[in-house]
Amino acid sequence: MSKMGERIAKRSKDERSFDVEAWGENDESLIIYHGPFTAGEMNRIQRKHPGFLGNPTLEAFVDIIILKAKEKDGEPMFDLKDKAILLREEVGVISQVANNLMSGDDTADLEKN
């Protein structure tokens, strides 16, 4: 592997996190951990949701959350059984969480409405 390839491979392991106040409890925000949203993951979402880049759907956003959101120990936070519950969540929360997972911005705190 080239030096540049090695450098890029290291970046794909960078852990990031952000708070979701809306999903927290006992006055504590939920912390979602995740790695960068990769080109391969984008391809996976586009195969499942054709036209995603031009016409993103909330179902695609939910699939991104299920794919990317992790617990502190690296275990998935959600699985496919949670999809129906996530689809009943407020649109603003789902879109903010998914966008944060895609952008890699670990500075945003998502507040309760």
N, C-alpha and C. Protein backbone atom coordinates (compact mmCIF):
# COMPACT_ATOMS: atom_id res chain seq x y z
N MET A 1 0.86 -1.17 0.00
CA MET A 1 0.00 0.00 0.00
C MET A 1 0.91 1.24 0.00
N SER A 2 0.49 2.25 -0.71
CA SER A 2 1.26 3.49 -0.77
C SER A 2 1.17 4.23 0.56
N LYS A 3 2.06 5.20 0.76
CA LYS A 3 2.02 6.00 1.99
C LYS A 3 0.70 6.77 2.08
N MET A 4 0.26 7.29 0.94
CA MET A 4 -1.02 8.02 0.94
C MET A 4 -2.17 7.07 1.27
N GLY A 5 -2.12 5.87 0.72
CA GLY A 5 -3.14 4.87 1.03
C GLY A 5 -3.16 4.53 2.51
N GLU A 6 -1.98 4.40 3.10
CA GLU A 6 -1.89 4.12 4.54
C GLU A 6 -2.49 5.26 5.35
N ARG A 7 -2.20 6.49 4.93
CA ARG A 7 -2.72 7.66 5.65
C ARG A 7 -4.24 7.70 5.58
N ILE A 8 -4.79 7.42 4.40
CA ILE A 8 -6.24 7.42 4.23
C ILE A 8 -6.86 6.28 5.05
N ALA A 9 -6.23 5.12 5.05
CA ALA A 9 -6.74 3.99 5.83
C ALA A 9 -6.80 4.32 7.32
N LYS A 10 -5.81 5.04 7.82
CA LYS A 10 -5.83 5.45 9.23
C LYS A 10 -7.00 6.35 9.53
N ARG A 11 -7.30 7.27 8.62
CA ARG A 11 -8.41 8.20 8.83
C ARG A 11 -9.74 7.46 8.95
N SER A 12 -9.90 6.35 8.25
CA SER A 12 -11.16 5.63 8.29
C SER A 12 -11.41 4.99 9.64
N LYS A 13 -10.39 4.98 10.50
CA LYS A 13 -10.54 4.41 11.84
C LYS A 13 -10.72 5.48 12.91
N ASP A 14 -10.69 6.75 12.49
CA ASP A 14 -10.86 7.84 13.46
C ASP A 14 -12.24 7.77 14.09
N GLU A 15 -12.27 7.78 15.42
CA GLU A 15 -13.55 7.75 16.13
C GLU A 15 -14.01 9.17 16.40
N ARG A 16 -15.27 9.38 16.19
CA ARG A 16 -15.89 10.68 16.42
C ARG A 16 -17.14 10.45 17.28
N SER A 17 -17.66 11.53 17.83
CA SER A 17 -18.89 11.41 18.62
C SER A 17 -19.62 12.73 18.63
N PHE A 18 -20.90 12.66 18.95
CA PHE A 18 -21.70 13.86 19.15
C PHE A 18 -22.85 13.52 20.09
N ASP A 19 -23.41 14.55 20.69
CA ASP A 19 -24.51 14.39 21.66
C ASP A 19 -25.85 14.57 20.96
N VAL A 20 -26.82 13.78 21.40
CA VAL A 20 -28.20 13.93 20.95
C VAL A 20 -29.05 14.11 22.19
N GLU A 21 -29.32 15.34 22.53
CA GLU A 21 -30.09 15.64 23.74
C GLU A 21 -31.48 15.02 23.66
N ALA A 22 -32.08 15.04 22.48
CA ALA A 22 -33.45 14.54 22.30
C ALA A 22 -33.57 13.05 22.66
N TRP A 23 -32.50 12.31 22.55
CA TRP A 23 -32.54 10.88 22.84
C TRP A 23 -31.92 10.52 24.19
N GLY A 24 -31.55 11.51 24.95
CA GLY A 24 -30.96 11.25 26.26
C GLY A 24 -32.01 10.97 27.31
N GLU A 25 -31.54 10.73 28.52
CA GLU A 25 -32.44 10.55 29.65
C GLU A 25 -31.74 11.02 30.92
N ASN A 26 -32.54 11.31 31.93
CA ASN A 26 -32.02 11.78 33.22
C ASN A 26 -31.09 12.98 33.04
N ASP A 27 -31.52 13.94 32.24
CA ASP A 27 -30.76 15.17 31.98
C ASP A 27 -29.38 14.93 31.37
N GLU A 28 -29.18 13.79 30.75
CA GLU A 28 -27.93 13.51 30.05
C GLU A 28 -28.23 13.19 28.60
N SER A 29 -27.46 13.78 27.70
CA SER A 29 -27.62 13.52 26.28
C SER A 29 -27.11 12.12 25.95
N LEU A 30 -27.67 11.55 24.90
CA LEU A 30 -27.14 10.31 24.35
C LEU A 30 -25.91 10.66 23.52
N ILE A 31 -24.85 9.93 23.68
CA ILE A 31 -23.65 10.16 22.88
C ILE A 31 -23.59 9.07 21.81
N ILE A 32 -23.52 9.50 20.56
CA ILE A 32 -23.39 8.58 19.43
C ILE A 32 -21.94 8.61 18.97
N TYR A 33 -21.35 7.45 18.86
CA TYR A 33 -19.98 7.30 18.37
C TYR A 33 -20.05 6.77 16.95
N HIS A 34 -19.07 7.16 16.14
CA HIS A 34 -19.07 6.72 14.74
C HIS A 34 -17.72 7.00 14.11
N GLY A 35 -17.47 6.30 13.03
CA GLY A 35 -16.30 6.58 12.20
C GLY A 35 -16.75 7.45 11.04
N PRO A 36 -15.81 7.84 10.19
CA PRO A 36 -16.16 8.65 9.03
C PRO A 36 -17.12 7.91 8.09
N PHE A 37 -17.96 8.65 7.42
CA PHE A 37 -18.86 8.10 6.41
C PHE A 37 -18.04 7.89 5.15
N THR A 38 -17.86 6.65 4.76
CA THR A 38 -16.93 6.33 3.67
C THR A 38 -17.63 6.26 2.31
N ALA A 39 -16.82 6.29 1.27
CA ALA A 39 -17.34 6.17 -0.09
C ALA A 39 -18.06 4.83 -0.26
N GLY A 40 -17.52 3.77 0.32
CA GLY A 40 -18.17 2.46 0.24
C GLY A 40 -19.53 2.45 0.90
N GLU A 41 -19.65 3.13 2.04
CA GLU A 41 -20.95 3.21 2.72
C GLU A 41 -21.93 4.04 1.89
N MET A 42 -21.45 5.10 1.26
CA MET A 42 -22.33 5.89 0.40
C MET A 42 -22.83 5.03 -0.76
N ASN A 43 -21.95 4.23 -1.35
CA ASN A 43 -22.38 3.34 -2.43
C ASN A 43 -23.44 2.37 -1.94
N ARG A 44 -23.26 1.84 -0.75
CA ARG A 44 -24.23 0.91 -0.17
C ARG A 44 -25.60 1.58 -0.01
N ILE A 45 -25.61 2.82 0.49
CA ILE A 45 -26.87 3.55 0.65
C ILE A 45 -27.49 3.85 -0.72
N GLN A 46 -26.67 4.24 -1.70
CA GLN A 46 -27.19 4.55 -3.02
C GLN A 46 -27.76 3.32 -3.72
N ARG A 47 -27.16 2.16 -3.49
CA ARG A 47 -27.72 0.93 -4.08
C ARG A 47 -29.09 0.64 -3.49
N LYS A 48 -29.25 0.86 -2.21
CA LYS A 48 -30.53 0.58 -1.55
C LYS A 48 -31.55 1.69 -1.81
N HIS A 49 -31.06 2.92 -2.00
CA HIS A 49 -31.92 4.08 -2.19
C HIS A 49 -31.44 4.86 -3.42
N PRO A 50 -31.79 4.35 -4.63
CA PRO A 50 -31.34 5.03 -5.85
C PRO A 50 -31.75 6.50 -5.86
N GLY A 51 -30.86 7.33 -6.33
CA GLY A 51 -31.15 8.76 -6.38
C GLY A 51 -30.98 9.46 -5.05
N PHE A 52 -30.35 8.81 -4.09
CA PHE A 52 -30.23 9.38 -2.75
C PHE A 52 -29.61 10.78 -2.75
N LEU A 53 -28.57 10.98 -3.52
CA LEU A 53 -27.89 12.28 -3.49
C LEU A 53 -28.78 13.40 -4.00
N GLY A 54 -29.62 13.13 -4.99
CA GLY A 54 -30.51 14.16 -5.51
C GLY A 54 -31.83 14.26 -4.78
N ASN A 55 -32.22 13.17 -4.13
CA ASN A 55 -33.52 13.13 -3.46
C ASN A 55 -33.42 12.26 -2.21
N PRO A 56 -32.75 12.78 -1.16
CA PRO A 56 -32.60 11.96 0.05
C PRO A 56 -33.95 11.71 0.72
N THR A 57 -34.13 10.50 1.19
CA THR A 57 -35.37 10.14 1.87
C THR A 57 -35.09 9.90 3.35
N LEU A 58 -36.14 10.01 4.14
CA LEU A 58 -35.98 9.76 5.57
C LEU A 58 -35.65 8.29 5.84
N GLU A 59 -36.17 7.40 5.02
CA GLU A 59 -35.83 5.99 5.19
C GLU A 59 -34.34 5.77 4.97
N ALA A 60 -33.76 6.46 4.00
CA ALA A 60 -32.31 6.36 3.78
C ALA A 60 -31.56 6.93 4.98
N PHE A 61 -32.04 8.05 5.54
CA PHE A 61 -31.40 8.61 6.73
C PHE A 61 -31.44 7.62 7.88
N VAL A 62 -32.56 6.94 8.06
CA VAL A 62 -32.67 5.93 9.12
C VAL A 62 -31.69 4.79 8.86
N ASP A 63 -31.54 4.38 7.60
CA ASP A 63 -30.58 3.32 7.29
C ASP A 63 -29.15 3.77 7.60
N ILE A 64 -28.84 5.04 7.39
CA ILE A 64 -27.52 5.57 7.74
C ILE A 64 -27.31 5.52 9.25
N ILE A 65 -28.34 5.89 10.00
CA ILE A 65 -28.23 5.84 11.46
C ILE A 65 -27.99 4.41 11.93
N ILE A 66 -28.73 3.46 11.39
CA ILE A 66 -28.56 2.05 11.76
C ILE A 66 -27.16 1.58 11.38
N LEU A 67 -26.68 1.99 10.24
CA LEU A 67 -25.36 1.58 9.75
C LEU A 67 -24.22 2.18 10.58
N LYS A 68 -24.32 3.45 10.96
CA LYS A 68 -23.18 4.18 11.51
C LYS A 68 -23.17 4.36 13.02
N ALA A 69 -24.29 4.51 13.66
CA ALA A 69 -24.34 4.85 15.09
C ALA A 69 -23.83 3.69 15.95
N LYS A 70 -22.86 4.01 16.80
CA LYS A 70 -22.24 2.99 17.66
C LYS A 70 -22.28 3.43 19.12
N GLU A 71 -22.21 2.44 19.99
CA GLU A 71 -22.01 2.67 21.43
C GLU A 71 -20.53 2.99 21.64
N LYS A 72 -20.17 3.41 22.84
CA LYS A 72 -18.78 3.74 23.16
C LYS A 72 -17.84 2.56 22.90
N ASP A 73 -18.34 1.33 23.14
CA ASP A 73 -17.51 0.13 22.96
C ASP A 73 -17.44 -0.33 21.50
N GLY A 74 -18.08 0.41 20.60
CA GLY A 74 -18.04 0.08 19.18
C GLY A 74 -19.18 -0.81 18.71
N GLU A 75 -20.01 -1.24 19.63
CA GLU A 75 -21.16 -2.08 19.25
C GLU A 75 -22.22 -1.21 18.57
N PRO A 76 -22.95 -1.78 17.61
CA PRO A 76 -24.02 -1.01 16.96
C PRO A 76 -25.05 -0.52 17.97
N MET A 77 -25.47 0.71 17.81
CA MET A 77 -26.48 1.28 18.70
C MET A 77 -27.88 0.81 18.31
N PHE A 78 -28.09 0.58 17.02
CA PHE A 78 -29.40 0.18 16.50
C PHE A 78 -29.23 -1.02 15.58
N ASP A 79 -30.34 -1.76 15.39
CA ASP A 79 -30.36 -2.81 14.37
C ASP A 79 -31.64 -2.66 13.55
N LEU A 80 -31.83 -3.53 12.60
CA LEU A 80 -32.98 -3.41 11.71
C LEU A 80 -34.31 -3.46 12.45
N LYS A 81 -34.36 -4.10 13.61
CA LYS A 81 -35.59 -4.14 14.38
C LYS A 81 -35.99 -2.75 14.88
N ASP A 82 -35.02 -1.84 14.96
CA ASP A 82 -35.29 -0.47 15.42
C ASP A 82 -35.76 0.45 14.30
N LYS A 83 -35.75 -0.02 13.07
CA LYS A 83 -36.07 0.84 11.93
C LYS A 83 -37.47 1.44 12.05
N ALA A 84 -38.45 0.64 12.40
CA ALA A 84 -39.82 1.14 12.51
C ALA A 84 -39.93 2.22 13.59
N ILE A 85 -39.21 2.06 14.68
CA ILE A 85 -39.22 3.06 15.76
C ILE A 85 -38.57 4.34 15.28
N LEU A 86 -37.43 4.22 14.61
CA LEU A 86 -36.74 5.40 14.11
C LEU A 86 -37.58 6.14 13.07
N LEU A 87 -38.33 5.41 12.27
CA LEU A 87 -39.20 6.05 11.27
C LEU A 87 -40.36 6.81 11.91
N ARG A 88 -40.64 6.56 13.17
CA ARG A 88 -41.69 7.31 13.88
C ARG A 88 -41.13 8.50 14.65
N GLU A 89 -39.82 8.70 14.60
CA GLU A 89 -39.17 9.82 15.28
C GLU A 89 -39.40 11.11 14.49
N GLU A 90 -39.23 12.24 15.17
CA GLU A 90 -39.39 13.54 14.52
C GLU A 90 -38.42 13.67 13.35
N VAL A 91 -38.91 14.24 12.27
CA VAL A 91 -38.13 14.42 11.06
C VAL A 91 -36.84 15.21 11.34
N GLY A 92 -36.94 16.27 12.11
CA GLY A 92 -35.77 17.10 12.38
C GLY A 92 -34.67 16.36 13.10
N VAL A 93 -35.03 15.52 14.04
CA VAL A 93 -34.02 14.76 14.80
C VAL A 93 -33.34 13.75 13.88
N ILE A 94 -34.14 13.01 13.10
CA ILE A 94 -33.57 12.00 12.19
C ILE A 94 -32.64 12.65 11.19
N SER A 95 -33.08 13.74 10.58
CA SER A 95 -32.24 14.37 9.56
C SER A 95 -30.97 14.95 10.16
N GLN A 96 -31.05 15.52 11.36
CA GLN A 96 -29.85 16.08 12.00
C GLN A 96 -28.86 14.98 12.37
N VAL A 97 -29.36 13.88 12.93
CA VAL A 97 -28.46 12.79 13.33
C VAL A 97 -27.80 12.20 12.08
N ALA A 98 -28.58 11.91 11.04
CA ALA A 98 -28.02 11.33 9.82
C ALA A 98 -27.01 12.28 9.17
N ASN A 99 -27.36 13.54 9.09
CA ASN A 99 -26.44 14.51 8.49
C ASN A 99 -25.15 14.61 9.30
N ASN A 100 -25.25 14.54 10.61
CA ASN A 100 -24.06 14.59 11.43
C ASN A 100 -23.19 13.35 11.21
N LEU A 101 -23.82 12.19 11.06
CA LEU A 101 -23.07 10.96 10.80
C LEU A 101 -22.38 11.01 9.44
N MET A 102 -23.02 11.64 8.47
CA MET A 102 -22.42 11.73 7.13
C MET A 102 -21.33 12.78 7.06
N SER A 103 -21.51 13.89 7.77
CA SER A 103 -20.55 14.99 7.66
C SER A 103 -19.33 14.78 8.54
N GLY A 104 -19.49 13.98 9.59
CA GLY A 104 -18.36 13.77 10.49
C GLY A 104 -18.16 14.90 11.46
N ASP A 105 -19.10 15.83 11.52
CA ASP A 105 -18.98 16.97 12.44
C ASP A 105 -19.23 16.49 13.85
N ASP A 106 -18.20 16.52 14.67
CA ASP A 106 -18.37 16.05 16.04
C ASP A 106 -18.54 17.20 17.02
N THR A 107 -18.90 18.38 16.52
CA THR A 107 -19.07 19.51 17.40
C THR A 107 -20.53 19.83 17.66
N ALA A 108 -21.42 19.24 16.92
CA ALA A 108 -22.84 19.58 17.05
C ALA A 108 -23.50 18.82 18.18
N ASP A 109 -24.25 19.52 18.98
CA ASP A 109 -25.08 18.90 19.99
C ASP A 109 -26.51 19.04 19.52
N LEU A 110 -27.22 17.94 19.38
CA LEU A 110 -28.58 17.97 18.88
C LEU A 110 -29.53 18.07 20.06
N GLU A 111 -30.25 19.18 20.11
CA GLU A 111 -31.06 19.50 21.27
C GLU A 111 -32.47 19.00 21.15
N LYS A 112 -33.12 18.89 22.32
CA LYS A 112 -34.54 18.58 22.36
C LYS A 112 -35.30 19.77 21.83
N ASN A 113 -36.44 19.51 21.22
CA ASN A 113 -37.29 20.63 20.76
C ASN A 113 -38.22 21.05 21.84
